[in-house]
Amino acid sequence: MKIAVTYDNGNVFQHFGRTENFKVYDIENGEIASSQIISSNGIAHEALADMLKEYGVELLICGGMGPGARAALADAGIEVCAGAEGNTDDAVKAYLSGELTGSDAVCDHHDHHHEEEHGCGSEEGCGGCSEEGCGGCPGHCTVEGKNAGRKCTVHYKGTFDDGTQFDSSYDRGQPLEFVCGAGMMIRGFDQAVADMEPGQITDVHLMPEEAYGFADPRMILVLPIADLPGSENLTLGQRVYLSDELGRRFGVTVTEKDDTNITLDANHPMAGKELNFRIELISVE
């Protein structure tokens, strides 16, 4: 498997269409085997998809990109993991360990408002779009507004309709920073912030299609206990992690179990839920 990352001086470059270099990683047995830096040769936007395809790239990790480039990459058979930042090596390692997820992968790594931790601030989350089978991954969705594409700093509190709080940056004492519209947050959260002014506080109610989407029956796994060592000790409602063929982790919840089989739900725990957020925009850069 080959993974490409938009590259600038060791870090993830934040604008796909303007990147001058990519760092391309060869992955073997779920680990980095080698890497090289390649030039975009002045090619921009959609044409980059063909170049990456020629290099055999199967996954692109980047900051943000427009819908045209995303469509071109999809046509080229290249998966996209948007919203990444920081060191490129760390970003690839995070993806391989399941801590950074692509737009077509099971999401299990940010806060409840952007993608699982929830990088959406708890332990899991990714959500965002309403495409059937998407699983709520924000990378599919774009937003419009004066803050789109800009770094926003917010405080927020998330509650269910019964008033139960599921997440709060206030409680952690640390505001959240993200690039609005870059696929780092669930769609409804992104859209709420897109037109806010610094100092403004707003309350939003998000339907499932604006948050983590609806549960997908295809994400329900029924496995023989004999084929999953250790599963005999699992209990109903327990949240555990499995690995796919590339060694990437994804979260599942135990929903049923008998003497022979165990049923695991790989949908996001917030799938199908209506969410409420109080959002305070602190600053925009």
Protein backbone atom coordinates (compact mmCIF):
# COMPACT_ATOMS: atom_id res chain seq x y z
CA MET A 1 0.00 0.00 0.00
CA LYS A 2 1.20 3.54 -0.78
CA ILE A 3 0.12 6.59 1.22
CA ALA A 4 0.83 10.15 0.05
CA VAL A 5 0.80 13.18 2.34
CA THR A 6 0.83 16.83 1.26
CA TYR A 7 4.29 17.91 2.41
CA ASP A 8 5.98 21.13 3.52
CA ASN A 9 9.13 21.11 5.63
CA GLY A 10 8.17 17.95 7.48
CA ASN A 11 4.55 18.90 8.11
CA VAL A 12 1.17 18.28 6.45
CA PHE A 13 0.62 21.09 3.96
CA GLN A 14 -2.88 22.46 4.42
CA HIS A 15 -3.89 23.27 0.82
CA PHE A 16 -3.96 20.24 -1.47
CA GLY A 17 -4.22 22.21 -4.73
CA ARG A 18 -1.18 24.33 -3.89
CA THR A 19 1.14 21.71 -2.50
CA GLU A 20 4.58 21.64 -4.11
CA ASN A 21 5.60 18.27 -2.71
CA PHE A 22 4.17 14.99 -1.45
CA LYS A 23 5.79 12.50 0.88
CA VAL A 24 4.92 9.01 -0.35
CA TYR A 25 5.10 6.09 2.08
CA ASP A 26 5.32 2.39 1.28
CA ILE A 27 3.32 0.44 3.87
CA GLU A 28 4.04 -3.21 4.60
CA ASN A 29 2.30 -5.27 7.27
CA GLY A 30 0.66 -2.15 8.66
CA GLU A 31 3.96 -0.29 9.18
CA ILE A 32 6.07 2.27 7.27
CA ALA A 33 8.67 0.39 5.22
CA SER A 34 10.12 3.35 3.27
CA SER A 35 9.29 6.86 2.08
CA GLN A 36 10.29 9.41 -0.54
CA ILE A 37 9.48 13.02 -1.33
CA ILE A 38 8.14 13.74 -4.82
CA SER A 39 7.44 17.08 -6.50
CA SER A 40 4.07 18.09 -7.88
CA ASN A 41 5.96 19.67 -10.81
CA GLY A 42 3.65 22.66 -10.81
CA ILE A 43 0.54 20.53 -11.38
CA ALA A 44 -2.48 21.79 -9.45
CA HIS A 45 -5.90 20.71 -8.30
CA GLU A 46 -7.62 17.83 -10.11
CA ALA A 47 -4.57 16.99 -12.27
CA LEU A 48 -2.71 15.93 -9.14
CA ALA A 49 -5.01 12.91 -8.86
CA ASP A 50 -3.64 11.41 -12.06
CA MET A 51 -0.07 11.99 -10.92
CA LEU A 52 -0.67 10.26 -7.59
CA LYS A 53 -2.43 7.39 -9.35
CA GLU A 54 0.66 6.89 -11.54
CA TYR A 55 2.73 6.54 -8.37
CA GLY A 56 0.35 3.85 -7.15
CA VAL A 57 -1.01 5.92 -4.27
CA GLU A 58 -4.12 4.45 -2.63
CA LEU A 59 -4.62 6.97 0.19
CA LEU A 60 -4.00 10.71 0.46
CA ILE A 61 -3.62 12.46 3.82
CA CYS A 62 -3.98 16.24 3.65
CA GLY A 63 -5.28 19.36 5.34
CA GLY A 64 -8.14 20.62 3.21
CA MET A 65 -9.33 20.42 -0.40
CA GLY A 66 -12.20 21.45 -2.62
CA PRO A 67 -14.98 19.19 -3.91
CA GLY A 68 -13.52 19.10 -7.43
CA ALA A 69 -10.21 17.69 -6.26
CA ARG A 70 -12.00 15.22 -4.00
CA ALA A 71 -14.10 13.99 -6.89
CA ALA A 72 -11.02 13.59 -9.09
CA LEU A 73 -9.27 11.57 -6.40
CA ALA A 74 -12.34 9.39 -5.98
CA ASP A 75 -12.41 8.75 -9.73
CA ALA A 76 -8.74 7.75 -9.50
CA GLY A 77 -9.57 5.27 -6.74
CA ILE A 78 -7.66 7.23 -4.10
CA GLU A 79 -9.13 7.44 -0.60
CA VAL A 80 -8.89 10.83 1.16
CA CYS A 81 -8.20 11.57 4.80
CA ALA A 82 -8.67 15.33 5.20
CA GLY A 83 -8.24 17.56 8.23
CA ALA A 84 -4.78 16.30 9.21
CA GLU A 85 -2.04 18.57 10.55
CA GLY A 86 1.39 18.40 12.15
CA ASN A 87 4.29 16.09 11.28
CA THR A 88 3.66 13.91 8.22
CA ASP A 89 5.31 10.80 9.72
CA ASP A 90 3.13 11.14 12.82
CA ALA A 91 0.02 11.56 10.65
CA VAL A 92 0.72 8.32 8.78
CA LYS A 93 1.45 6.43 12.00
CA ALA A 94 -1.79 7.78 13.48
CA TYR A 95 -3.72 6.57 10.44
CA LEU A 96 -2.18 3.11 10.62
CA SER A 97 -2.99 2.85 14.33
CA GLY A 98 -6.61 3.89 13.75
CA GLU A 99 -6.21 7.32 15.39
CA LEU A 100 -6.68 9.17 12.09
CA THR A 101 -9.37 7.99 9.69
CA GLY A 102 -10.10 8.47 6.02
CA SER A 103 -13.38 9.58 4.57
CA ASP A 104 -14.28 6.04 3.51
CA ALA A 105 -13.08 4.29 6.67
CA VAL A 106 -14.83 3.45 9.93
CA CYS A 107 -14.25 6.52 12.05
CA ASP A 108 -13.16 6.07 15.60
CA HIS A 109 -10.76 8.74 16.57
CA HIS A 110 -11.98 12.32 17.32
CA ASP A 111 -14.35 14.48 19.80
CA HIS A 112 -18.12 14.32 19.55
CA HIS A 113 -18.18 17.41 17.40
CA HIS A 114 -15.46 16.82 14.88
CA GLU A 115 -13.98 13.53 14.03
CA GLU A 116 -13.34 10.61 17.32
CA GLU A 117 -11.34 11.11 20.86
CA HIS A 118 -13.51 13.09 19.04
CA GLY A 119 -10.88 15.45 17.29
CA CYS A 120 -15.07 15.50 16.99
CA GLY A 121 -13.36 15.78 22.64
CA SER A 122 -14.35 12.47 24.02
CA GLU A 123 -13.24 9.09 22.84
CA GLU A 124 -14.89 8.47 19.54
CA GLY A 125 -16.49 10.36 16.75
CA CYS A 126 -16.13 11.39 13.21
CA GLY A 127 -19.44 12.13 11.72
CA GLY A 128 -20.64 14.72 9.38
CA CYS A 129 -22.40 13.84 6.20
CA SER A 130 -25.64 12.23 5.33
CA GLU A 131 -24.53 10.01 2.46
CA GLU A 132 -25.89 6.51 2.90
CA GLY A 133 -23.22 4.22 4.18
CA CYS A 134 -20.86 7.07 4.97
CA GLY A 135 -20.87 6.44 8.69
CA GLY A 136 -20.80 10.15 9.39
CA CYS A 137 -17.34 11.00 8.11
CA PRO A 138 -16.91 14.76 7.81
CA GLY A 139 -14.48 14.63 4.98
CA HIS A 140 -17.34 14.23 2.46
CA CYS A 141 -18.93 17.55 3.29
CA THR A 142 -18.21 21.18 2.57
CA VAL A 143 -19.56 24.32 4.24
CA GLU A 144 -19.99 27.90 3.11
CA GLY A 145 -19.51 31.06 5.15
CA LYS A 146 -17.02 33.80 5.94
CA ASN A 147 -15.10 31.55 8.34
CA ALA A 148 -14.76 28.62 5.93
CA GLY A 149 -11.12 27.71 5.43
CA ARG A 150 -10.01 29.71 8.48
CA LYS A 151 -8.65 28.51 11.80
CA CYS A 152 -11.34 28.88 14.46
CA THR A 153 -11.01 28.58 18.22
CA VAL A 154 -14.19 27.69 20.14
CA HIS A 155 -15.53 26.54 23.47
CA TYR A 156 -18.55 24.25 23.32
CA LYS A 157 -20.89 22.05 25.33
CA GLY A 158 -22.74 19.08 23.84
CA THR A 159 -25.96 17.62 25.24
CA PHE A 160 -28.64 15.12 24.25
CA ASP A 161 -32.29 16.17 24.08
CA ASP A 162 -32.88 15.01 27.67
CA GLY A 163 -30.24 17.47 28.87
CA THR A 164 -27.53 14.87 29.51
CA GLN A 165 -24.12 16.32 28.74
CA PHE A 166 -21.82 14.13 26.63
CA ASP A 167 -18.93 16.52 26.04
CA SER A 168 -17.63 19.94 27.07
CA SER A 169 -14.45 21.87 26.31
CA TYR A 170 -15.32 24.12 29.25
CA ASP A 171 -14.97 21.17 31.62
CA ARG A 172 -11.58 20.31 30.15
CA GLY A 173 -10.48 23.94 30.49
CA GLN A 174 -9.12 23.99 26.94
CA PRO A 175 -10.80 25.45 23.84
CA LEU A 176 -10.86 23.56 20.55
CA GLU A 177 -9.00 24.72 17.43
CA PHE A 178 -9.95 23.55 13.93
CA VAL A 179 -10.07 24.71 10.33
CA CYS A 180 -13.68 25.43 9.50
CA GLY A 181 -14.91 23.39 6.54
CA ALA A 182 -11.74 21.26 6.28
CA GLY A 183 -13.47 18.07 7.38
CA MET A 184 -12.24 18.18 10.97
CA MET A 185 -15.70 18.56 12.51
CA ILE A 186 -19.15 17.09 11.97
CA ARG A 187 -21.02 19.02 9.32
CA GLY A 188 -23.59 20.73 11.53
CA PHE A 189 -20.93 22.00 13.94
CA ASP A 190 -18.83 23.30 11.02
CA GLN A 191 -21.82 25.04 9.45
CA ALA A 192 -22.83 26.68 12.74
CA VAL A 193 -19.39 28.24 13.13
CA ALA A 194 -19.03 29.28 9.48
CA ASP A 195 -20.95 32.56 9.91
CA MET A 196 -20.33 33.34 13.59
CA GLU A 197 -18.54 36.42 14.90
CA PRO A 198 -15.79 36.23 17.58
CA GLY A 199 -17.43 36.53 20.99
CA GLN A 200 -20.75 35.22 19.71
CA ILE A 201 -22.49 32.30 21.45
CA THR A 202 -25.00 30.20 19.55
CA ASP A 203 -27.17 27.17 20.32
CA VAL A 204 -27.73 24.59 17.57
CA HIS A 205 -29.81 21.42 17.34
CA LEU A 206 -28.40 18.87 14.93
CA MET A 207 -30.33 16.06 13.33
CA PRO A 208 -28.42 12.78 12.72
CA GLU A 209 -27.71 13.65 9.10
CA GLU A 210 -25.90 16.79 10.31
CA ALA A 211 -23.95 14.89 12.96
CA TYR A 212 -22.90 11.23 12.88
CA GLY A 213 -25.39 9.99 10.34
CA PHE A 214 -27.68 7.01 10.71
CA ALA A 215 -26.72 3.50 11.72
CA ASP A 216 -25.80 1.31 8.74
CA PRO A 217 -26.99 -2.32 9.02
CA ARG A 218 -23.97 -3.34 6.95
CA MET A 219 -21.80 -2.35 9.90
CA ILE A 220 -23.28 -5.07 12.11
CA LEU A 221 -20.83 -7.99 12.36
CA VAL A 222 -21.89 -11.47 13.49
CA LEU A 223 -18.79 -13.57 14.15
CA PRO A 224 -18.18 -17.04 15.57
CA ILE A 225 -16.67 -16.70 19.03
CA ALA A 226 -14.20 -19.43 18.09
CA ASP A 227 -12.81 -17.20 15.33
CA LEU A 228 -12.24 -14.21 17.63
CA PRO A 229 -9.91 -15.17 20.49
CA GLY A 230 -10.80 -13.39 23.72
CA SER A 231 -14.35 -12.59 22.63
CA GLU A 232 -15.70 -15.19 25.05
CA ASN A 233 -14.81 -12.77 27.86
CA LEU A 234 -16.61 -9.75 26.37
CA THR A 235 -19.83 -8.42 27.87
CA LEU A 236 -22.88 -6.71 26.35
CA GLY A 237 -22.36 -3.01 25.80
CA GLN A 238 -18.58 -3.28 25.99
CA ARG A 239 -16.62 -1.11 23.56
CA VAL A 240 -13.58 -2.81 22.06
CA TYR A 241 -11.32 -2.43 19.03
CA LEU A 242 -10.65 -4.71 16.08
CA SER A 243 -8.07 -4.37 13.30
CA ASP A 244 -8.63 -4.58 9.56
CA GLU A 245 -6.33 -6.26 7.04
CA LEU A 246 -4.03 -3.20 7.08
CA GLY A 247 -3.70 -3.24 10.84
CA ARG A 248 -5.90 -0.16 11.33
CA ARG A 249 -8.02 -0.21 14.47
CA PHE A 250 -11.77 0.48 14.48
CA GLY A 251 -14.18 0.52 17.37
CA VAL A 252 -17.11 -1.86 17.83
CA THR A 253 -19.76 -2.35 20.52
CA VAL A 254 -20.92 -5.76 21.72
CA THR A 255 -24.70 -5.92 21.18
CA GLU A 256 -25.51 -9.65 21.34
CA LYS A 257 -23.78 -12.83 22.44
CA ASP A 258 -24.65 -16.50 22.83
CA ASP A 259 -22.63 -19.67 23.24
CA THR A 260 -21.62 -19.69 19.58
CA ASN A 261 -21.68 -16.20 18.08
CA ILE A 262 -21.01 -12.61 19.07
CA THR A 263 -22.62 -9.56 17.41
CA LEU A 264 -20.55 -6.41 17.08
CA ASP A 265 -21.82 -3.00 15.96
CA ALA A 266 -19.18 -0.99 14.08
CA ASN A 267 -21.42 2.06 13.70
CA HIS A 268 -20.36 5.17 15.55
CA PRO A 269 -21.91 5.19 19.05
CA MET A 270 -23.56 8.54 18.24
CA ALA A 271 -25.09 7.36 14.97
CA GLY A 272 -28.81 8.14 14.76
CA LYS A 273 -28.74 10.59 17.65
CA GLU A 274 -29.94 14.20 17.69
CA LEU A 275 -27.36 16.46 19.33
CA ASN A 276 -27.37 19.93 20.86
CA PHE A 277 -24.36 22.23 21.03
CA ARG A 278 -23.77 25.57 22.70
CA ILE A 279 -20.84 27.06 20.78
CA GLU A 280 -18.79 30.13 21.73
CA LEU A 281 -16.48 31.43 19.00
CA ILE A 282 -13.38 32.81 20.68
CA SER A 283 -11.26 33.80 17.67
CA VAL A 284 -10.79 33.43 13.92
CA GLU A 285 -7.44 33.57 12.13
